[in-house]
Protein backbone atom coordinates (compact mmCIF):
# COMPACT_ATOMS: atom_id res chain seq x y z
CA MET A 1 10.02 -4.38 -8.23
CA PHE A 2 9.06 -5.81 -4.84
CA ASP A 3 9.56 -8.61 -2.36
CA TRP A 4 6.76 -9.97 -0.21
CA VAL A 5 6.00 -12.23 2.71
CA LEU A 6 2.78 -13.54 4.23
CA ARG A 7 2.96 -13.15 8.02
CA GLY A 8 -0.16 -14.63 9.57
CA SER A 9 -3.02 -12.86 7.81
CA ASP A 10 -0.85 -9.88 6.81
CA LEU A 11 0.55 -9.75 3.28
CA ILE A 12 3.61 -7.51 3.53
CA VAL A 13 4.82 -6.08 0.24
CA ASP A 14 8.24 -4.43 0.26
CA LEU A 15 8.12 -1.86 -2.56
CA GLN A 16 11.39 -0.52 -3.94
CA GLY A 17 12.68 2.29 -6.12
CA GLU A 18 10.45 4.82 -7.86
CA LEU A 19 6.68 4.51 -8.19
CA ASP A 20 5.98 6.70 -11.17
CA LEU A 21 4.42 6.71 -14.62
CA SER A 22 7.12 4.41 -15.99
CA CYS A 23 6.28 1.51 -13.66
CA SER A 24 2.93 2.07 -11.93
CA GLU A 25 0.94 -0.02 -14.43
CA ARG A 26 3.34 -2.97 -14.11
CA ALA A 27 3.34 -2.58 -10.32
CA ALA A 28 -0.48 -2.59 -10.26
CA GLN A 29 -0.64 -5.77 -12.36
CA ALA A 30 2.01 -7.51 -10.26
CA LEU A 31 0.31 -6.51 -6.99
CA ASP A 32 -3.08 -7.66 -8.29
CA SER A 33 -1.61 -11.06 -9.16
CA LEU A 34 0.03 -11.31 -5.74
CA ILE A 35 -3.20 -10.33 -3.97
CA ASP A 36 -5.18 -12.87 -6.04
CA ALA A 37 -2.68 -15.60 -5.11
CA ASN A 38 -2.98 -14.78 -1.38
CA ARG A 39 -6.73 -14.57 -0.84
CA GLY A 40 -6.34 -15.58 2.81
CA ALA A 41 -4.71 -12.26 3.65
CA ARG A 42 -6.93 -9.92 5.71
CA ARG A 43 -4.58 -6.95 5.40
CA VAL A 44 -2.01 -5.82 2.84
CA ILE A 45 0.82 -3.65 4.15
CA LEU A 46 2.78 -1.69 1.56
CA ARG A 47 6.21 -1.21 3.07
CA MET A 48 7.70 1.92 1.50
CA ASP A 49 10.99 2.48 3.31
CA ARG A 50 12.88 1.65 0.08
CA VAL A 51 10.66 3.76 -2.17
CA THR A 52 12.68 6.79 -3.26
CA PHE A 53 9.99 8.66 -5.20
CA ILE A 54 6.24 8.53 -5.80
CA ASP A 55 4.20 10.63 -8.19
CA SER A 56 0.48 10.90 -8.93
CA SER A 57 0.49 7.71 -11.02
CA GLY A 58 2.08 5.83 -8.10
CA ILE A 59 -0.56 7.27 -5.76
CA GLY A 60 -3.22 6.24 -8.27
CA MET A 61 -1.83 2.72 -8.25
CA VAL A 62 -2.08 2.63 -4.44
CA PHE A 63 -5.66 3.98 -4.48
CA GLY A 64 -6.62 1.42 -7.14
CA ARG A 65 -5.36 -1.42 -4.95
CA HIS A 66 -7.25 0.07 -2.01
CA ARG A 67 -10.55 0.04 -3.94
CA ARG A 68 -9.93 -3.53 -5.04
CA LEU A 69 -9.09 -4.70 -1.53
CA VAL A 70 -12.03 -2.93 0.13
CA ALA A 71 -14.36 -4.74 -2.25
CA ARG A 72 -12.98 -7.98 -0.76
CA GLY A 73 -13.11 -6.80 2.84
CA VAL A 74 -9.32 -6.58 3.06
CA ALA A 75 -7.55 -3.64 4.73
CA LEU A 76 -4.62 -1.75 3.20
CA ALA A 77 -1.92 0.08 5.14
CA ILE A 78 1.31 1.89 4.28
CA ALA A 79 4.40 1.54 6.48
CA GLY A 80 7.83 3.10 6.76
CA ALA A 81 7.77 5.74 4.04
CA GLY A 82 10.79 8.04 4.07
CA ALA A 83 10.54 11.82 4.42
CA ARG A 84 10.19 12.60 0.71
CA VAL A 85 7.55 9.94 0.07
CA SER A 86 5.73 10.78 3.33
CA ARG A 87 5.48 14.40 2.27
CA THR A 88 3.86 13.41 -1.02
CA LEU A 89 1.44 11.07 0.78
CA ASP A 90 0.53 13.86 3.21
CA LEU A 91 0.09 16.50 0.51
CA LEU A 92 -2.29 14.24 -1.40
CA GLY A 93 -4.31 13.26 1.67
CA VAL A 94 -3.56 9.56 1.45
CA SER A 95 -3.77 9.08 5.23
CA GLU A 96 -7.41 10.20 5.19
CA LEU A 97 -8.20 6.99 3.34
CA ILE A 98 -5.36 4.59 4.07
CA PRO A 99 -3.60 4.20 7.44
CA VAL A 100 0.03 5.34 7.22
CA TYR A 101 2.47 4.11 9.87
CA ALA A 102 6.02 5.26 10.61
CA SER A 103 7.34 1.69 10.62
CA LEU A 104 6.41 -1.87 9.77
CA ASP A 105 6.41 -2.75 13.48
CA ARG A 106 3.79 -0.07 14.18
CA ALA A 107 1.66 -1.26 11.28
CA LEU A 108 1.85 -4.86 12.48
CA SER A 109 0.85 -3.89 16.02
CA ALA A 110 -2.14 -1.81 14.86
CA GLN A 111 -5.56 -3.37 14.61
CA GLU A 112 -6.84 -1.17 11.82
CA GLY A 113 -10.00 -2.24 10.06
CA VAL A 114 -11.04 -1.72 6.47
CA ARG A 115 -11.57 1.91 5.53
CA LYS A 116 -14.27 2.22 2.90
CA TRP A 117 -13.65 3.94 -0.40
CA ASN A 118 -15.70 7.11 -0.28
CA PRO A 119 -14.60 9.62 -2.93
CA ARG A 120 -15.81 13.13 -2.30
């Protein structure tokens, strides 16, 4: 489902495949366990260059992790999404809440703080 690495205070999660109804619950549980095991991380970067598809349940999984991380004072970012996934993220307004970067390198060089969860 994903690989990960802790680089300094950044927890980088390399998501793969499709993030849809069939796997979003398992992905959420696995990410929550990973986040709990790495409490020293100050930012979680979801690397999406190997994600081929994301639907509303996948977006919901991302937003759920964002709420959970904000409650801990940890930032969330998305990096490297391909054209199809980027379009979905854009259409659903994800970048209004979560920083979205074109590449992992850009995400790592950014000094983005925590964006608060503020549903309208």
